[in-house]
């Protein structure tokens, strides 16, 4: 099998005949070929107690949607099933699932316990090897958390087949937008990764921009105009209480982002015609200047190990990307292609940097190695901007806006091979997404 080259990451789903010949564990390999997505079946989860049927069907549906939505898997429709699983403990009729070419089979059950909590169990089977993939697991939670349990099952299935961590049990904070293009009302909102369960965190009384999750997903940084000009605020997601950071009366602060330890915030501070990057210690309030140049430095993002920061600057005469030590010092330029580069974000894996690129009247979302090599553009449109990484570094979400007076921003996602471009289904317009880590 060939090795990863040019970070083109695509899917090789083994054919049934090959799986039978190998008799090895089912696995989607990361390689350079593009083969059809792996066909899988999700048998309707069995409702084992009264009231469980309310959740069994929706949990089954969400699991199927999660996996199929990655572009790595293809769900076999239920009307093609020969076998019906009516008992979670019944043996699998492998011949029936082979007949419809299912390579992976997911079965499960749902119980409502005596204390009212929901119990969701699942098993994953390699159909052609006629063996389970790992042990069966169960998740326990409150009934209103049924979607989270569906996401947790999906993450387990994804991880066992791909060998990578999943990203379904995560959230996205974004700017929800309403009103005409010349009078947009903006407020912070948070949702499940797939656009469900939207909750608003702020009202629309002032403009808000660029929300960013903390490393634990419990806090959000953002820029607000509620004081009349941009200032950085921090909001507690659970209580929706907020506070202004580094209060400045004669300066603008914006583009904040947490360090990996969650104890430091980097952001841009503009005063007297100059914009530089600063770091703020959240424990003692100490502020440290990291750049000092007669140019605009903004959009800082930490490497996962916290030792480096990538940012955008026009110090070379055009908007480009630079990397410097997290303590400051002389940066090195990493973008050298045609056009302008901005909004860099370090991958949680540490191997890539995502960015926005503007060139020849088009906007792109792209990725490059951390030294600037192997640049690859994943999208192209009238306006694509503001990438954010999924927790496993496999998918990028971003804002796309269409041309014209009625054009409204929408949230899209794409995997890092440039495949599987999808619109995130939310009610209304949205921009500035930021992905959370996997939820605890």
Foldseek 3Di string as FASTA:
>chain_A
DDDDDLVQWEWDFDALVVCLVVLDDAAIETDDDHDQAAEAEEAQEAEPDPPFVVQRRVLSVLLQCVVVLVRNYDYDDPVQFPDHDHDPPDQDPLVRCVVSPHQKYKYWYWYQDPVRKIKIKMWMDGSSSSGTQDDIDIDIGHPVCSSLRSQVVSQVVCCSHHVFGDFQQWKKKWWFWDDFPVDIFTFIWMAGPQAPDIDTLDGRPWDKDFWAAAQQRQKIWIWTCPVPATFIKMAGPVVSDMDTAPDDDAKHWGQWYAALVRQKIWTWIDHPQAIFIWIAGNVPRDIGTADDDNWHWGQWEAQNVRFKIKTWICRVVATFIWMDTSNHDDIDTQADDPFHWHNWYAFNVRFKIWIWTDDPQWIFIWIAGPNNPSIDTLDIANDWGAWEARQRRFKIKTWDWHDDRRIAIFIWMATNSSPSIGTRDHDHGIHNMYMHHRHD
